[in-house]
Amino acid sequence: MKIGLILSLHDQFGVSHCQKAELFPDETTIEELRKAINSFWSIHESYQELYHKEKQILSLKSTLRQLDFKDDDVIVVKHSALKHWVNFLSYCDVVNDTKADRNDRKASAYLAIDLSAQLERSNFLLAYGDFGTTWVQRRGQAMRLIDRLLPAFKESAKAFFASLDPESTVEFEAKTVGIMSGTIAKVTNGDTLTRYYLKTYHRSGTAKIISTSKLLWRPTYSG
């Protein structure tokens, strides 16, 4: 026997972005249903939150019949990264608030970019395509704020490496791999060239250098 279910993709406000009516055998498990949802909206099973009559469905091995589903019952589907989306928008609001503290705006920009990377990794925007334009605009605003900080960021890095070895020279190149923010410092000491990935420490407005030497750098920004 088959049951006709209505799958409805909701956002954080309970607004439906897409609905799909499908027939499923009544012996279909919730685990199998999750796989079907992944094929419909590219939401991996580990990112799915399913609800029926406002109660979350947590039993993966239970079947539709055991859970007493009827024809035309609605299963609400939510992407678990919705919380990241909400926080992303909140941090972007701070980025765009010209009356906010400068350090708060900088920290919020880095947090927004880190959350943006998590949204991309989880295929969030494949499911919620309506959010795509907003995401591009907001992420761009955060990136532009960070770009304005790069000159001071690089000068602070030069001072740090000079304190370790006054004879060293430092050059910078853009980071081209991955989606996290940062830049690459190429430090030459005599005949030795070492490359460091410089990433801002988003929680404090400081930064860390990731390399085999495991140095921790906390630059000071002025203005």
N, C-alpha and C. Protein backbone atom coordinates (compact mmCIF):
# COMPACT_ATOMS: atom_id res chain seq x y z
N MET A 1 0.84 -1.19 0.00
CA MET A 1 0.00 0.00 0.00
C MET A 1 0.88 1.25 0.00
N LYS A 2 0.47 2.26 -0.77
CA LYS A 2 1.24 3.50 -0.83
C LYS A 2 0.49 4.65 -0.16
N ILE A 3 1.29 5.58 0.36
CA ILE A 3 0.74 6.75 1.04
C ILE A 3 1.20 7.99 0.29
N GLY A 4 0.26 8.89 0.01
CA GLY A 4 0.61 10.14 -0.66
C GLY A 4 0.96 11.21 0.36
N LEU A 5 2.22 11.63 0.36
CA LEU A 5 2.68 12.65 1.30
C LEU A 5 3.00 13.95 0.59
N ILE A 6 2.86 15.04 1.30
CA ILE A 6 3.25 16.35 0.79
C ILE A 6 4.49 16.80 1.56
N LEU A 7 5.59 16.95 0.85
CA LEU A 7 6.83 17.42 1.45
C LEU A 7 6.91 18.92 1.24
N SER A 8 7.13 19.67 2.31
CA SER A 8 7.13 21.13 2.22
C SER A 8 8.42 21.68 2.85
N LEU A 9 9.23 22.37 2.04
CA LEU A 9 10.49 22.93 2.51
C LEU A 9 10.23 24.30 3.13
N HIS A 10 10.53 24.43 4.42
CA HIS A 10 10.26 25.67 5.16
C HIS A 10 11.55 26.38 5.55
N ASP A 11 11.43 27.70 5.75
CA ASP A 11 12.56 28.47 6.27
C ASP A 11 12.36 28.71 7.76
N GLN A 12 13.18 29.61 8.33
CA GLN A 12 13.14 29.84 9.78
C GLN A 12 11.85 30.51 10.24
N PHE A 13 11.11 31.12 9.30
CA PHE A 13 9.85 31.79 9.65
C PHE A 13 8.63 30.91 9.38
N GLY A 14 8.86 29.68 8.94
CA GLY A 14 7.76 28.80 8.62
C GLY A 14 7.17 29.03 7.25
N VAL A 15 7.86 29.80 6.41
CA VAL A 15 7.41 30.06 5.04
C VAL A 15 7.84 28.90 4.15
N SER A 16 6.91 28.40 3.35
CA SER A 16 7.21 27.28 2.45
C SER A 16 7.87 27.80 1.17
N HIS A 17 9.02 27.23 0.83
CA HIS A 17 9.74 27.62 -0.38
C HIS A 17 9.49 26.67 -1.54
N CYS A 18 9.06 25.47 -1.21
CA CYS A 18 8.80 24.48 -2.27
C CYS A 18 7.97 23.35 -1.67
N GLN A 19 7.06 22.82 -2.48
CA GLN A 19 6.27 21.67 -2.05
C GLN A 19 6.34 20.58 -3.11
N LYS A 20 6.29 19.34 -2.65
CA LYS A 20 6.38 18.22 -3.57
C LYS A 20 5.49 17.09 -3.06
N ALA A 21 4.58 16.62 -3.89
CA ALA A 21 3.71 15.51 -3.54
C ALA A 21 4.29 14.22 -4.10
N GLU A 22 4.43 13.22 -3.24
CA GLU A 22 5.04 11.96 -3.66
C GLU A 22 4.31 10.78 -3.02
N LEU A 23 4.31 9.66 -3.74
CA LEU A 23 3.78 8.41 -3.20
C LEU A 23 4.93 7.58 -2.63
N PHE A 24 4.72 7.04 -1.42
CA PHE A 24 5.72 6.19 -0.79
C PHE A 24 5.05 4.92 -0.27
N PRO A 25 5.70 3.78 -0.39
CA PRO A 25 5.17 2.57 0.25
C PRO A 25 5.05 2.79 1.75
N ASP A 26 4.01 2.22 2.36
CA ASP A 26 3.81 2.48 3.79
C ASP A 26 4.89 1.85 4.66
N GLU A 27 5.72 0.96 4.07
CA GLU A 27 6.83 0.37 4.81
C GLU A 27 8.12 1.19 4.66
N THR A 28 8.03 2.34 4.01
CA THR A 28 9.19 3.22 3.88
C THR A 28 9.62 3.71 5.26
N THR A 29 10.90 3.57 5.56
CA THR A 29 11.41 4.07 6.84
C THR A 29 11.73 5.56 6.72
N ILE A 30 11.84 6.21 7.85
CA ILE A 30 12.22 7.63 7.85
C ILE A 30 13.62 7.80 7.26
N GLU A 31 14.49 6.84 7.51
CA GLU A 31 15.83 6.87 6.93
C GLU A 31 15.76 6.87 5.40
N GLU A 32 14.89 6.04 4.84
CA GLU A 32 14.71 5.99 3.39
C GLU A 32 14.06 7.27 2.88
N LEU A 33 13.13 7.81 3.66
CA LEU A 33 12.48 9.06 3.28
C LEU A 33 13.51 10.19 3.20
N ARG A 34 14.45 10.22 4.13
CA ARG A 34 15.49 11.24 4.12
C ARG A 34 16.33 11.16 2.84
N LYS A 35 16.61 9.95 2.39
CA LYS A 35 17.38 9.78 1.16
C LYS A 35 16.61 10.33 -0.03
N ALA A 36 15.29 10.12 -0.04
CA ALA A 36 14.46 10.66 -1.12
C ALA A 36 14.47 12.19 -1.09
N ILE A 37 14.39 12.76 0.09
CA ILE A 37 14.42 14.22 0.22
C ILE A 37 15.75 14.78 -0.27
N ASN A 38 16.83 14.08 0.02
CA ASN A 38 18.15 14.50 -0.47
C ASN A 38 18.16 14.55 -1.99
N SER A 39 17.52 13.57 -2.62
CA SER A 39 17.49 13.55 -4.09
C SER A 39 16.62 14.67 -4.65
N PHE A 40 15.63 15.12 -3.90
CA PHE A 40 14.75 16.20 -4.37
C PHE A 40 15.41 17.57 -4.24
N TRP A 41 16.01 17.85 -3.06
CA TRP A 41 16.45 19.21 -2.75
C TRP A 41 17.92 19.33 -2.37
N SER A 42 18.68 18.26 -2.56
CA SER A 42 20.13 18.27 -2.28
C SER A 42 20.44 18.65 -0.84
N ILE A 43 19.59 18.21 0.07
CA ILE A 43 19.86 18.39 1.50
C ILE A 43 20.32 17.04 2.05
N HIS A 44 21.59 16.95 2.40
CA HIS A 44 22.11 15.68 2.92
C HIS A 44 21.33 15.29 4.17
N GLU A 45 21.23 13.97 4.37
CA GLU A 45 20.44 13.48 5.49
C GLU A 45 20.88 14.07 6.83
N SER A 46 22.17 14.29 6.99
CA SER A 46 22.67 14.81 8.27
C SER A 46 22.25 16.26 8.52
N TYR A 47 21.76 16.94 7.48
CA TYR A 47 21.33 18.34 7.62
C TYR A 47 19.80 18.48 7.64
N GLN A 48 19.08 17.37 7.60
CA GLN A 48 17.63 17.45 7.53
C GLN A 48 16.98 17.47 8.91
N GLU A 49 15.99 18.32 9.05
CA GLU A 49 15.10 18.30 10.21
C GLU A 49 13.68 18.10 9.67
N LEU A 50 13.03 17.04 10.11
CA LEU A 50 11.69 16.71 9.61
C LEU A 50 10.66 16.87 10.73
N TYR A 51 9.50 17.42 10.36
CA TYR A 51 8.44 17.67 11.33
C TYR A 51 7.10 17.18 10.78
N HIS A 52 6.29 16.63 11.67
CA HIS A 52 4.93 16.23 11.32
C HIS A 52 4.01 16.72 12.42
N LYS A 53 3.05 17.54 12.04
CA LYS A 53 2.12 18.13 13.01
C LYS A 53 2.88 18.82 14.14
N GLU A 54 3.90 19.58 13.74
CA GLU A 54 4.71 20.42 14.63
C GLU A 54 5.61 19.64 15.59
N LYS A 55 5.70 18.32 15.41
CA LYS A 55 6.60 17.50 16.22
C LYS A 55 7.73 16.99 15.34
N GLN A 56 8.97 17.09 15.85
CA GLN A 56 10.11 16.64 15.07
C GLN A 56 10.14 15.11 15.01
N ILE A 57 10.44 14.59 13.83
CA ILE A 57 10.54 13.15 13.62
C ILE A 57 11.99 12.73 13.85
N LEU A 58 12.21 11.88 14.84
CA LEU A 58 13.57 11.51 15.21
C LEU A 58 13.86 10.02 15.05
N SER A 59 12.82 9.21 14.87
CA SER A 59 12.99 7.76 14.78
C SER A 59 13.31 7.34 13.34
N LEU A 60 14.58 7.04 13.07
CA LEU A 60 15.00 6.74 11.70
C LEU A 60 14.48 5.40 11.20
N LYS A 61 14.35 4.42 12.09
CA LYS A 61 13.97 3.07 11.66
C LYS A 61 12.46 2.87 11.57
N SER A 62 11.69 3.78 12.12
CA SER A 62 10.23 3.64 12.07
C SER A 62 9.73 3.81 10.65
N THR A 63 8.66 3.10 10.32
CA THR A 63 8.06 3.21 8.99
C THR A 63 6.91 4.21 9.01
N LEU A 64 6.48 4.59 7.81
CA LEU A 64 5.36 5.52 7.70
C LEU A 64 4.10 4.93 8.32
N ARG A 65 3.91 3.62 8.16
CA ARG A 65 2.74 2.97 8.74
C ARG A 65 2.82 2.97 10.26
N GLN A 66 3.99 2.67 10.80
CA GLN A 66 4.15 2.66 12.25
C GLN A 66 3.91 4.04 12.87
N LEU A 67 4.25 5.08 12.11
CA LEU A 67 4.05 6.44 12.61
C LEU A 67 2.66 6.98 12.27
N ASP A 68 1.84 6.10 11.68
CA ASP A 68 0.43 6.41 11.42
C ASP A 68 0.23 7.58 10.45
N PHE A 69 1.06 7.63 9.40
CA PHE A 69 0.89 8.65 8.37
C PHE A 69 -0.32 8.31 7.51
N LYS A 70 -1.04 9.35 7.08
CA LYS A 70 -2.21 9.21 6.21
C LYS A 70 -1.96 9.94 4.90
N ASP A 71 -2.79 9.64 3.91
CA ASP A 71 -2.71 10.36 2.65
C ASP A 71 -2.85 11.86 2.88
N ASP A 72 -2.05 12.62 2.15
CA ASP A 72 -2.05 14.09 2.17
C ASP A 72 -1.50 14.68 3.47
N ASP A 73 -0.89 13.86 4.31
CA ASP A 73 -0.19 14.42 5.47
C ASP A 73 1.00 15.25 4.98
N VAL A 74 1.29 16.31 5.71
CA VAL A 74 2.39 17.20 5.34
C VAL A 74 3.60 16.93 6.23
N ILE A 75 4.74 16.73 5.60
CA ILE A 75 6.00 16.64 6.33
C ILE A 75 6.79 17.91 6.05
N VAL A 76 7.06 18.67 7.09
CA VAL A 76 7.83 19.90 6.95
C VAL A 76 9.31 19.56 7.01
N VAL A 77 10.04 20.05 6.02
CA VAL A 77 11.49 19.82 5.93
C VAL A 77 12.20 21.14 6.17
N LYS A 78 13.20 21.10 7.05
CA LYS A 78 14.04 22.29 7.28
C LYS A 78 15.51 21.88 7.20
N HIS A 79 16.31 22.79 6.68
CA HIS A 79 17.76 22.58 6.64
C HIS A 79 18.33 23.02 8.00
N SER A 80 19.13 22.16 8.62
CA SER A 80 19.64 22.49 9.96
C SER A 80 20.57 23.70 9.96
N ALA A 81 21.06 24.09 8.77
CA ALA A 81 21.93 25.28 8.69
C ALA A 81 21.14 26.58 8.68
N LEU A 82 19.83 26.50 8.83
CA LEU A 82 19.04 27.73 8.92
C LEU A 82 19.53 28.63 10.05
N LYS A 83 19.99 28.02 11.14
CA LYS A 83 20.51 28.83 12.27
C LYS A 83 21.74 29.61 11.83
N HIS A 84 22.57 29.01 10.95
CA HIS A 84 23.73 29.74 10.43
C HIS A 84 23.29 30.89 9.54
N TRP A 85 22.24 30.67 8.77
CA TRP A 85 21.71 31.72 7.90
C TRP A 85 21.21 32.90 8.73
N VAL A 86 20.48 32.62 9.78
CA VAL A 86 19.96 33.68 10.65
C VAL A 86 21.11 34.47 11.27
N ASN A 87 22.13 33.76 11.76
CA ASN A 87 23.28 34.45 12.36
C ASN A 87 24.08 35.22 11.31
N PHE A 88 24.19 34.65 10.11
CA PHE A 88 24.88 35.33 9.01
C PHE A 88 24.23 36.68 8.73
N LEU A 89 22.91 36.70 8.63
CA LEU A 89 22.19 37.95 8.37
C LEU A 89 22.37 38.94 9.52
N SER A 90 22.37 38.42 10.75
CA SER A 90 22.53 39.28 11.92
C SER A 90 23.90 39.95 11.93
N TYR A 91 24.94 39.18 11.65
CA TYR A 91 26.29 39.77 11.61
C TYR A 91 26.43 40.76 10.46
N CYS A 92 25.79 40.47 9.34
CA CYS A 92 25.84 41.39 8.21
C CYS A 92 25.15 42.70 8.53
N ASP A 93 24.10 42.65 9.35
CA ASP A 93 23.44 43.88 9.78
C ASP A 93 24.41 44.77 10.56
N VAL A 94 25.25 44.15 11.39
CA VAL A 94 26.24 44.92 12.15
C VAL A 94 27.29 45.49 11.20
N VAL A 95 27.70 44.70 10.22
CA VAL A 95 28.68 45.18 9.22
C VAL A 95 28.19 46.46 8.56
N ASN A 96 26.91 46.52 8.25
CA ASN A 96 26.34 47.65 7.53
C ASN A 96 25.88 48.80 8.43
N ASP A 97 26.02 48.61 9.74
CA ASP A 97 25.61 49.66 10.69
C ASP A 97 26.77 50.62 10.90
N THR A 98 26.75 51.74 10.21
CA THR A 98 27.86 52.71 10.29
C THR A 98 27.98 53.36 11.66
N LYS A 99 26.94 53.22 12.49
CA LYS A 99 26.99 53.78 13.84
C LYS A 99 27.57 52.80 14.86
N ALA A 100 27.76 51.55 14.43
CA ALA A 100 28.28 50.53 15.34
C ALA A 100 29.78 50.73 15.57
N ASP A 101 30.27 50.17 16.67
CA ASP A 101 31.70 50.25 16.98
C ASP A 101 32.51 49.61 15.84
N ARG A 102 33.62 50.24 15.48
CA ARG A 102 34.43 49.77 14.35
C ARG A 102 34.92 48.33 14.57
N ASN A 103 35.38 48.03 15.79
CA ASN A 103 35.86 46.67 16.07
C ASN A 103 34.73 45.65 15.98
N ASP A 104 33.52 46.05 16.41
CA ASP A 104 32.37 45.15 16.29
C ASP A 104 32.05 44.87 14.83
N ARG A 105 32.15 45.89 13.99
CA ARG A 105 31.89 45.70 12.56
C ARG A 105 32.92 44.77 11.93
N LYS A 106 34.18 44.93 12.32
CA LYS A 106 35.23 44.07 11.77
C LYS A 106 35.03 42.62 12.21
N ALA A 107 34.79 42.43 13.50
CA ALA A 107 34.59 41.07 14.01
C ALA A 107 33.37 40.43 13.36
N SER A 108 32.31 41.21 13.17
CA SER A 108 31.09 40.68 12.55
C SER A 108 31.33 40.30 11.10
N ALA A 109 32.17 41.06 10.40
CA ALA A 109 32.48 40.74 9.00
C ALA A 109 33.16 39.38 8.90
N TYR A 110 34.12 39.12 9.77
CA TYR A 110 34.81 37.83 9.73
C TYR A 110 33.89 36.69 10.14
N LEU A 111 33.04 36.92 11.13
CA LEU A 111 32.07 35.90 11.52
C LEU A 111 31.10 35.60 10.39
N ALA A 112 30.65 36.64 9.70
CA ALA A 112 29.73 36.46 8.57
C ALA A 112 30.37 35.62 7.48
N ILE A 113 31.64 35.87 7.19
CA ILE A 113 32.33 35.13 6.13
C ILE A 113 32.53 33.68 6.54
N ASP A 114 32.87 33.44 7.81
CA ASP A 114 33.01 32.07 8.28
C ASP A 114 31.67 31.32 8.19
N LEU A 115 30.58 31.97 8.57
CA LEU A 115 29.27 31.34 8.47
C LEU A 115 28.88 31.11 7.01
N SER A 116 29.26 32.04 6.15
CA SER A 116 29.00 31.89 4.72
C SER A 116 29.66 30.62 4.19
N ALA A 117 30.88 30.35 4.66
CA ALA A 117 31.59 29.15 4.23
C ALA A 117 30.85 27.89 4.70
N GLN A 118 30.30 27.92 5.91
CA GLN A 118 29.54 26.77 6.41
C GLN A 118 28.27 26.56 5.59
N LEU A 119 27.63 27.65 5.19
CA LEU A 119 26.43 27.54 4.36
C LEU A 119 26.77 26.90 3.02
N GLU A 120 27.90 27.28 2.44
CA GLU A 120 28.31 26.70 1.17
C GLU A 120 28.62 25.22 1.31
N ARG A 121 29.33 24.85 2.36
CA ARG A 121 29.70 23.44 2.55
C ARG A 121 28.49 22.55 2.72
N SER A 122 27.42 23.08 3.30
CA SER A 122 26.23 22.27 3.56
C SER A 122 25.22 22.30 2.41
N ASN A 123 25.59 22.93 1.29
CA ASN A 123 24.68 23.05 0.13
C ASN A 123 23.37 23.76 0.49
N PHE A 124 23.44 24.63 1.47
CA PHE A 124 22.24 25.33 1.94
C PHE A 124 21.55 26.09 0.81
N LEU A 125 22.34 26.75 -0.02
CA LEU A 125 21.76 27.60 -1.06
C LEU A 125 21.22 26.81 -2.24
N LEU A 126 21.58 25.53 -2.34
CA LEU A 126 20.95 24.69 -3.36
C LEU A 126 19.50 24.42 -2.98
N ALA A 127 19.25 24.29 -1.68
CA ALA A 127 17.89 24.06 -1.22
C ALA A 127 17.07 25.34 -1.22
N TYR A 128 17.68 26.43 -0.71
CA TYR A 128 16.97 27.71 -0.61
C TYR A 128 17.51 28.67 -1.67
N GLY A 129 17.20 28.38 -2.91
CA GLY A 129 17.70 29.21 -4.00
C GLY A 129 17.22 30.65 -3.93
N ASP A 130 16.06 30.88 -3.28
CA ASP A 130 15.53 32.24 -3.16
C ASP A 130 16.44 33.14 -2.34
N PHE A 131 17.30 32.53 -1.52
CA PHE A 131 18.20 33.32 -0.68
C PHE A 131 19.49 33.70 -1.40
N GLY A 132 19.68 33.20 -2.60
CA GLY A 132 20.95 33.37 -3.30
C GLY A 132 21.36 34.82 -3.50
N THR A 133 20.44 35.64 -3.96
CA THR A 133 20.76 37.05 -4.23
C THR A 133 21.14 37.77 -2.95
N THR A 134 20.38 37.53 -1.88
CA THR A 134 20.69 38.16 -0.59
C THR A 134 22.06 37.72 -0.10
N TRP A 135 22.37 36.43 -0.25
CA TRP A 135 23.66 35.91 0.21
C TRP A 135 24.81 36.59 -0.54
N VAL A 136 24.70 36.71 -1.86
CA VAL A 136 25.76 37.33 -2.65
C VAL A 136 25.97 38.78 -2.21
N GLN A 137 24.88 39.52 -2.03
CA GLN A 137 24.98 40.93 -1.65
C GLN A 137 25.61 41.09 -0.26
N ARG A 138 25.10 40.31 0.70
CA ARG A 138 25.57 40.46 2.08
C ARG A 138 27.02 40.00 2.23
N ARG A 139 27.37 38.88 1.61
CA ARG A 139 28.75 38.40 1.70
C ARG A 139 29.70 39.41 1.06
N GLY A 140 29.26 40.00 -0.05
CA GLY A 140 30.09 41.01 -0.71
C GLY A 140 30.34 42.21 0.18
N GLN A 141 29.33 42.62 0.94
CA GLN A 141 29.49 43.76 1.85
C GLN A 141 30.51 43.45 2.94
N ALA A 142 30.46 42.22 3.47
CA ALA A 142 31.43 41.83 4.50
C ALA A 142 32.84 41.76 3.91
N MET A 143 32.96 41.22 2.70
CA MET A 143 34.27 41.11 2.06
C MET A 143 34.87 42.48 1.78
N ARG A 144 34.04 43.42 1.36
CA ARG A 144 34.56 44.76 1.06
C ARG A 144 35.08 45.45 2.32
N LEU A 145 34.41 45.23 3.44
CA LEU A 145 34.89 45.81 4.69
C LEU A 145 36.25 45.23 5.06
N ILE A 146 36.40 43.92 4.90
CA ILE A 146 37.67 43.27 5.22
C ILE A 146 38.77 43.73 4.27
N ASP A 147 38.44 43.90 2.99
CA ASP A 147 39.43 44.35 2.02
C ASP A 147 40.03 45.69 2.42
N ARG A 148 39.22 46.55 3.04
CA ARG A 148 39.73 47.85 3.47
C ARG A 148 40.70 47.73 4.65
N LEU A 149 40.67 46.59 5.33
CA LEU A 149 41.55 46.38 6.48
C LEU A 149 42.89 45.75 6.10
N LEU A 150 43.00 45.23 4.87
CA LEU A 150 44.18 44.47 4.49
C LEU A 150 45.49 45.27 4.58
N PRO A 151 45.55 46.54 4.15
CA PRO A 151 46.83 47.26 4.26
C PRO A 151 47.38 47.28 5.69
N ALA A 152 46.53 47.61 6.66
CA ALA A 152 46.97 47.62 8.06
C ALA A 152 47.33 46.22 8.53
N PHE A 153 46.58 45.25 8.05
CA PHE A 153 46.82 43.84 8.39
C PHE A 153 48.22 43.43 7.94
N LYS A 154 48.60 43.79 6.72
CA LYS A 154 49.90 43.43 6.17
C LYS A 154 51.04 44.15 6.89
N GLU A 155 50.84 45.42 7.21
CA GLU A 155 51.88 46.15 7.92
C GLU A 155 52.14 45.54 9.30
N SER A 156 51.08 45.10 9.95
CA SER A 156 51.23 44.45 11.25
C SER A 156 52.00 43.14 11.12
N ALA A 157 51.74 42.41 10.03
CA ALA A 157 52.45 41.15 9.79
C ALA A 157 53.93 41.40 9.56
N LYS A 158 54.25 42.43 8.78
CA LYS A 158 55.66 42.77 8.53
C LYS A 158 56.39 43.09 9.83
N ALA A 159 55.74 43.85 10.69
CA ALA A 159 56.36 44.21 11.97
C ALA A 159 56.60 42.97 12.82
N PHE A 160 55.66 42.04 12.77
CA PHE A 160 55.80 40.82 13.55
C PHE A 160 57.00 40.01 13.09
N PHE A 161 57.11 39.76 11.78
CA PHE A 161 58.22 38.96 11.27
C PHE A 161 59.55 39.67 11.44
N ALA A 162 59.56 40.99 11.35
CA ALA A 162 60.79 41.76 11.57
C ALA A 162 61.26 41.63 13.01
N SER A 163 60.33 41.50 13.94
CA SER A 163 60.71 41.34 15.34
C SER A 163 61.38 39.99 15.58
N LEU A 164 61.06 39.00 14.75
CA LEU A 164 61.69 37.68 14.86
C LEU A 164 63.05 37.67 14.19
N ASP A 165 63.15 38.33 13.03
CA ASP A 165 64.40 38.38 12.28
C ASP A 165 64.42 39.67 11.47
N PRO A 166 65.18 40.67 11.91
CA PRO A 166 65.21 41.95 11.20
C PRO A 166 65.68 41.84 9.75
N GLU A 167 66.40 40.75 9.42
CA GLU A 167 66.91 40.58 8.06
C GLU A 167 65.90 39.92 7.12
N SER A 168 64.80 39.47 7.66
CA SER A 168 63.81 38.78 6.82
C SER A 168 63.06 39.75 5.93
N THR A 169 62.57 39.25 4.81
CA THR A 169 61.73 40.04 3.92
C THR A 169 60.37 39.35 3.80
N VAL A 170 59.34 40.15 3.63
CA VAL A 170 57.97 39.61 3.58
C VAL A 170 57.28 40.10 2.32
N GLU A 171 56.69 39.15 1.59
CA GLU A 171 55.85 39.47 0.43
C GLU A 171 54.50 38.80 0.63
N PHE A 172 53.48 39.35 -0.02
CA PHE A 172 52.14 38.81 0.16
C PHE A 172 51.56 38.39 -1.18
N GLU A 173 50.70 37.39 -1.12
CA GLU A 173 49.96 36.99 -2.32
C GLU A 173 48.54 36.62 -1.90
N ALA A 174 47.64 36.74 -2.84
CA ALA A 174 46.24 36.44 -2.54
C ALA A 174 46.05 34.96 -2.30
N LYS A 175 45.16 34.63 -1.38
CA LYS A 175 44.78 33.25 -1.13
C LYS A 175 43.77 32.84 -2.20
N THR A 176 44.10 31.78 -2.95
CA THR A 176 43.25 31.38 -4.08
C THR A 176 42.56 30.04 -3.87
N VAL A 177 42.92 29.34 -2.81
CA VAL A 177 42.35 28.02 -2.55
C VAL A 177 41.41 28.10 -1.37
N GLY A 178 40.23 27.47 -1.50
CA GLY A 178 39.28 27.47 -0.39
C GLY A 178 38.42 28.71 -0.38
N ILE A 179 37.52 28.78 0.61
CA ILE A 179 36.56 29.86 0.66
C ILE A 179 36.68 30.69 1.94
N MET A 180 37.65 30.36 2.80
CA MET A 180 37.84 31.14 4.01
C MET A 180 38.69 32.37 3.70
N SER A 181 38.48 33.42 4.49
CA SER A 181 39.22 34.65 4.27
C SER A 181 40.65 34.52 4.75
N GLY A 182 41.53 35.38 4.24
CA GLY A 182 42.92 35.37 4.67
C GLY A 182 43.84 35.77 3.54
N THR A 183 45.15 35.75 3.81
CA THR A 183 46.14 36.06 2.78
C THR A 183 47.37 35.20 3.05
N ILE A 184 48.27 35.14 2.08
CA ILE A 184 49.48 34.34 2.21
C ILE A 184 50.68 35.27 2.36
N ALA A 185 51.50 35.03 3.39
CA ALA A 185 52.75 35.77 3.59
C ALA A 185 53.91 34.86 3.22
N LYS A 186 54.79 35.36 2.33
CA LYS A 186 56.00 34.62 1.95
C LYS A 186 57.18 35.29 2.65
N VAL A 187 57.76 34.60 3.62
CA VAL A 187 58.83 35.16 4.45
C VAL A 187 60.16 34.52 4.05
N THR A 188 61.11 35.35 3.67
CA THR A 188 62.43 34.87 3.26
C THR A 188 63.46 35.21 4.33
N ASN A 189 64.13 34.17 4.83
CA ASN A 189 65.23 34.33 5.78
C ASN A 189 66.47 33.72 5.14
N GLY A 190 67.33 34.55 4.58
CA GLY A 190 68.48 34.03 3.85
C GLY A 190 68.02 33.28 2.63
N ASP A 191 68.35 31.99 2.57
CA ASP A 191 67.93 31.15 1.44
C ASP A 191 66.65 30.38 1.73
N THR A 192 66.06 30.62 2.89
CA THR A 192 64.88 29.86 3.29
C THR A 192 63.61 30.66 3.06
N LEU A 193 62.69 30.07 2.32
CA LEU A 193 61.39 30.70 2.06
C LEU A 193 60.31 29.90 2.78
N THR A 194 59.54 30.57 3.61
CA THR A 194 58.44 29.93 4.33
C THR A 194 57.14 30.66 4.00
N ARG A 195 56.11 29.88 3.72
CA ARG A 195 54.81 30.46 3.40
C ARG A 195 53.89 30.29 4.61
N TYR A 196 53.20 31.35 4.96
CA TYR A 196 52.28 31.35 6.09
C TYR A 196 50.89 31.76 5.61
N TYR A 197 49.91 31.04 6.10
CA TYR A 197 48.53 31.44 5.86
C TYR A 197 48.08 32.29 7.04
N LEU A 198 47.71 33.53 6.77
CA LEU A 198 47.28 34.47 7.80
C LEU A 198 45.77 34.55 7.80
N LYS A 199 45.16 34.15 8.89
CA LYS A 199 43.70 34.18 9.00
C LYS A 199 43.31 34.99 10.23
N THR A 200 42.36 35.89 10.07
CA THR A 200 41.92 36.68 11.21
C THR A 200 41.18 35.81 12.21
N TYR A 201 41.49 36.04 13.46
CA TYR A 201 40.79 35.38 14.57
C TYR A 201 39.46 36.07 14.75
N HIS A 202 38.37 35.50 14.23
CA HIS A 202 37.11 36.24 14.15
C HIS A 202 36.52 36.61 15.49
N ARG A 203 36.81 35.89 16.55
CA ARG A 203 36.17 36.19 17.83
C ARG A 203 36.76 37.40 18.52
N SER A 204 38.00 37.74 18.21
CA SER A 204 38.63 38.83 18.94
C SER A 204 39.15 39.93 18.05
N GLY A 205 39.02 39.77 16.72
CA GLY A 205 39.55 40.77 15.81
C GLY A 205 41.04 40.64 15.65
N THR A 206 41.63 39.56 16.19
CA THR A 206 43.05 39.31 16.02
C THR A 206 43.24 38.29 14.92
N ALA A 207 44.45 37.81 14.76
CA ALA A 207 44.68 36.87 13.68
C ALA A 207 45.66 35.80 14.09
N LYS A 208 45.63 34.69 13.38
CA LYS A 208 46.60 33.65 13.65
C LYS A 208 47.29 33.25 12.37
N ILE A 209 48.52 32.79 12.51
CA ILE A 209 49.29 32.31 11.38
C ILE A 209 49.30 30.79 11.44
N ILE A 210 48.90 30.17 10.36
CA ILE A 210 48.88 28.72 10.31
C ILE A 210 50.06 28.25 9.48
N SER A 211 50.96 27.52 10.10
CA SER A 211 52.12 26.99 9.39
C SER A 211 52.71 25.87 10.21
N THR A 212 53.77 25.25 9.70
CA THR A 212 54.39 24.17 10.43
C THR A 212 55.03 24.66 11.72
N SER A 213 55.35 25.95 11.80
CA SER A 213 55.98 26.47 13.00
C SER A 213 54.98 26.80 14.10
N LYS A 214 53.66 26.78 13.76
CA LYS A 214 52.59 26.99 14.73
C LYS A 214 52.75 28.29 15.51
N LEU A 215 53.08 29.34 14.82
CA LEU A 215 53.19 30.65 15.47
C LEU A 215 51.80 31.24 15.66
N LEU A 216 51.61 31.97 16.72
CA LEU A 216 50.34 32.68 16.95
C LEU A 216 50.61 34.16 16.94
N TRP A 217 49.91 34.86 16.06
CA TRP A 217 50.15 36.29 15.87
C TRP A 217 48.89 37.05 16.18
N ARG A 218 49.01 38.10 16.96
CA ARG A 218 47.86 38.94 17.29
C ARG A 218 48.16 40.37 16.89
N PRO A 219 47.81 40.77 15.67
CA PRO A 219 48.14 42.11 15.21
C PRO A 219 47.28 43.17 15.88
N THR A 220 47.77 44.38 15.89
CA THR A 220 47.03 45.51 16.45
C THR A 220 46.56 46.41 15.33
N TYR A 221 45.26 46.71 15.30
CA TYR A 221 44.70 47.61 14.30
C TYR A 221 44.54 48.99 14.91
N SER A 222 44.76 49.99 14.10
CA SER A 222 44.53 51.37 14.56
C SER A 222 43.42 51.99 13.75
N GLY A 223 42.76 52.97 14.29
CA GLY A 223 41.70 53.67 13.58
C GLY A 223 40.38 52.98 13.68
